[in-house]
Amino acid sequence: METLLVTQEQTETKPVTTLSGSQAVLDALVAEGVDTIFGYPGGAIMPIYDALYDYHDKLKHILVRHEQGGIHAAQGYARSSGKTGVVFATSGPGATDLV
């Protein structure tokens, strides 16, 4: 009878860093070179606005009067600067105003 010896390689474990969905979105925007965001806060988007406080040194937020104005501002910013235009709006009617 043969004896089979199985060895298990020790692997180094690293601590897991957890992010909220809002932090992941903002990290992705920063990684893509976004530095300015236009937006109008609302119920469904508030977690992103809460997380935005921690990114005040990386992302500039410009509060617009309504969503439609935000999308036009982001488009004008993109056309004039050559950078990505980003606008935040809440779901429902707020998102519809972006169309």
C-alpha atoms as a PDB file:
ATOM      1  CA  MET A   1       0.000   0.000   0.000  1.00  0.00           C
ATOM      2  CA  GLU A   2       1.323   3.435  -0.980  1.00  0.00           C
ATOM      3  CA  THR A   3       1.147   6.436   1.263  1.00  0.00           C
ATOM      4  CA  LEU A   4       0.294   9.710  -0.377  1.00  0.00           C
ATOM      5  CA  LEU A   5       1.561  12.823   1.316  1.00  0.00           C
ATOM      6  CA  VAL A   6      -0.303  16.000   0.470  1.00  0.00           C
ATOM      7  CA  THR A   7       1.313  19.278   1.359  1.00  0.00           C
ATOM      8  CA  GLN A   8      -0.503  22.530   1.389  1.00  0.00           C
ATOM      9  CA  GLU A   9       1.330  25.675   0.411  1.00  0.00           C
ATOM     10  CA  GLN A  10       0.982  28.508   2.868  1.00  0.00           C
ATOM     11  CA  THR A  11      -0.344  31.638   1.256  1.00  0.00           C
ATOM     12  CA  GLU A  12      -0.098  35.077   2.699  1.00  0.00           C
ATOM     13  CA  THR A  13      -3.443  36.615   3.487  1.00  0.00           C
ATOM     14  CA  LYS A  14      -4.075  40.282   3.019  1.00  0.00           C
ATOM     15  CA  PRO A  15      -6.674  42.293   4.857  1.00  0.00           C
ATOM     16  CA  VAL A  16      -9.817  42.838   2.853  1.00  0.00           C
ATOM     17  CA  THR A  17     -10.737  46.424   2.127  1.00  0.00           C
ATOM     18  CA  THR A  18     -14.435  46.967   1.824  1.00  0.00           C
ATOM     19  CA  LEU A  19     -16.028  49.835  -0.038  1.00  0.00           C
ATOM     20  CA  SER A  20     -19.581  50.962  -0.244  1.00  0.00           C
ATOM     21  CA  GLY A  21     -21.146  51.187  -3.679  1.00  0.00           C
ATOM     22  CA  SER A  22     -20.914  54.968  -3.459  1.00  0.00           C
ATOM     23  CA  GLN A  23     -17.204  54.848  -2.683  1.00  0.00           C
ATOM     24  CA  ALA A  24     -16.648  52.449  -5.582  1.00  0.00           C
ATOM     25  CA  VAL A  25     -18.427  54.826  -7.983  1.00  0.00           C
ATOM     26  CA  LEU A  26     -16.428  57.827  -6.786  1.00  0.00           C
ATOM     27  CA  ASP A  27     -13.139  55.893  -6.861  1.00  0.00           C
ATOM     28  CA  ALA A  28     -13.889  54.863 -10.455  1.00  0.00           C
ATOM     29  CA  LEU A  29     -14.592  58.468 -11.448  1.00  0.00           C
ATOM     30  CA  VAL A  30     -11.339  59.653  -9.867  1.00  0.00           C
ATOM     31  CA  ALA A  31      -9.433  56.818 -11.576  1.00  0.00           C
ATOM     32  CA  GLU A  32     -10.860  57.948 -14.928  1.00  0.00           C
ATOM     33  CA  GLY A  33      -9.610  61.482 -14.377  1.00  0.00           C
ATOM     34  CA  VAL A  34     -12.910  63.131 -13.489  1.00  0.00           C
ATOM     35  CA  ASP A  35     -12.422  66.221 -11.348  1.00  0.00           C
ATOM     36  CA  THR A  36     -15.752  68.065 -11.679  1.00  0.00           C
ATOM     37  CA  ILE A  37     -19.285  66.786 -11.123  1.00  0.00           C
ATOM     38  CA  PHE A  38     -22.530  68.630 -11.724  1.00  0.00           C
ATOM     39  CA  GLY A  39     -25.584  67.479  -9.843  1.00  0.00           C
ATOM     40  CA  TYR A  40     -28.827  67.921  -8.031  1.00  0.00           C
ATOM     41  CA  PRO A  41     -29.329  65.826  -4.875  1.00  0.00           C
ATOM     42  CA  GLY A  42     -32.377  63.682  -4.284  1.00  0.00           C
ATOM     43  CA  GLY A  43     -33.486  60.701  -2.230  1.00  0.00           C
ATOM     44  CA  ALA A  44     -32.003  57.794  -4.189  1.00  0.00           C
ATOM     45  CA  ILE A  45     -28.639  59.455  -4.836  1.00  0.00           C
ATOM     46  CA  MET A  46     -28.031  60.676  -1.273  1.00  0.00           C
ATOM     47  CA  PRO A  47     -25.565  57.866  -0.392  1.00  0.00           C
ATOM     48  CA  ILE A  48     -23.287  59.140  -3.169  1.00  0.00           C
ATOM     49  CA  TYR A  49     -23.611  62.692  -1.878  1.00  0.00           C
ATOM     50  CA  ASP A  50     -22.775  61.459   1.629  1.00  0.00           C
ATOM     51  CA  ALA A  51     -19.641  59.727   0.302  1.00  0.00           C
ATOM     52  CA  LEU A  52     -18.734  62.775  -1.800  1.00  0.00           C
ATOM     53  CA  TYR A  53     -17.811  64.609   1.417  1.00  0.00           C
ATOM     54  CA  ASP A  54     -14.742  62.362   1.755  1.00  0.00           C
ATOM     55  CA  TYR A  55     -13.642  63.217  -1.809  1.00  0.00           C
ATOM     56  CA  HIS A  56     -13.763  67.027  -1.521  1.00  0.00           C
ATOM     57  CA  ASP A  57     -10.035  67.221  -2.263  1.00  0.00           C
ATOM     58  CA  LYS A  58     -10.373  65.162  -5.474  1.00  0.00           C
ATOM     59  CA  LEU A  59     -13.799  66.030  -6.856  1.00  0.00           C
ATOM     60  CA  LYS A  60     -15.437  69.426  -7.205  1.00  0.00           C
ATOM     61  CA  HIS A  61     -19.246  69.371  -7.085  1.00  0.00           C
ATOM     62  CA  ILE A  62     -21.277  72.107  -8.734  1.00  0.00           C
ATOM     63  CA  LEU A  63     -24.857  72.296  -7.497  1.00  0.00           C
ATOM     64  CA  VAL A  64     -27.296  73.048 -10.318  1.00  0.00           C
ATOM     65  CA  ARG A  65     -30.855  74.382 -10.090  1.00  0.00           C
ATOM     66  CA  HIS A  66     -32.415  71.350 -11.767  1.00  0.00           C
ATOM     67  CA  GLU A  67     -31.392  68.148 -13.543  1.00  0.00           C
ATOM     68  CA  GLN A  68     -31.880  69.483 -17.051  1.00  0.00           C
ATOM     69  CA  GLY A  69     -29.535  72.362 -16.305  1.00  0.00           C
ATOM     70  CA  GLY A  70     -27.043  69.861 -14.902  1.00  0.00           C
ATOM     71  CA  ILE A  71     -26.900  67.776 -18.048  1.00  0.00           C
ATOM     72  CA  HIS A  72     -26.415  70.871 -20.197  1.00  0.00           C
ATOM     73  CA  ALA A  73     -23.684  72.128 -17.856  1.00  0.00           C
ATOM     74  CA  ALA A  74     -21.897  68.758 -17.985  1.00  0.00           C
ATOM     75  CA  GLN A  75     -22.129  68.700 -21.772  1.00  0.00           C
ATOM     76  CA  GLY A  76     -20.816  72.251 -22.068  1.00  0.00           C
ATOM     77  CA  TYR A  77     -18.009  71.442 -19.644  1.00  0.00           C
ATOM     78  CA  ALA A  78     -17.043  68.374 -21.680  1.00  0.00           C
ATOM     79  CA  ARG A  79     -17.073  70.278 -24.969  1.00  0.00           C
ATOM     80  CA  SER A  80     -15.075  73.230 -23.679  1.00  0.00           C
ATOM     81  CA  SER A  81     -12.538  71.357 -21.536  1.00  0.00           C
ATOM     82  CA  GLY A  82     -12.135  68.072 -23.412  1.00  0.00           C
ATOM     83  CA  LYS A  83     -12.694  66.229 -20.126  1.00  0.00           C
ATOM     84  CA  THR A  84     -15.519  63.894 -19.201  1.00  0.00           C
ATOM     85  CA  GLY A  85     -18.737  65.636 -18.183  1.00  0.00           C
ATOM     86  CA  VAL A  86     -20.488  63.990 -15.234  1.00  0.00           C
ATOM     87  CA  VAL A  87     -23.888  64.776 -13.760  1.00  0.00           C
ATOM     88  CA  PHE A  88     -25.603  63.198 -10.746  1.00  0.00           C
ATOM     89  CA  ALA A  89     -29.370  63.082 -10.408  1.00  0.00           C
ATOM     90  CA  THR A  90     -31.843  61.004  -8.484  1.00  0.00           C
ATOM     91  CA  SER A  91     -34.075  58.303  -9.911  1.00  0.00           C
ATOM     92  CA  GLY A  92     -37.556  58.763 -11.322  1.00  0.00           C
ATOM     93  CA  PRO A  93     -38.413  62.244 -12.580  1.00  0.00           C
ATOM     94  CA  GLY A  94     -34.879  63.441 -11.852  1.00  0.00           C
ATOM     95  CA  ALA A  95     -33.416  60.847 -14.202  1.00  0.00           C
ATOM     96  CA  THR A  96     -36.110  61.564 -16.785  1.00  0.00           C
ATOM     97  CA  ASP A  97     -35.049  65.215 -16.827  1.00  0.00           C
ATOM     98  CA  LEU A  98     -31.580  64.089 -17.939  1.00  0.00           C
ATOM     99  CA  VAL A  99     -32.908  62.672 -21.209  1.00  0.00           C
END
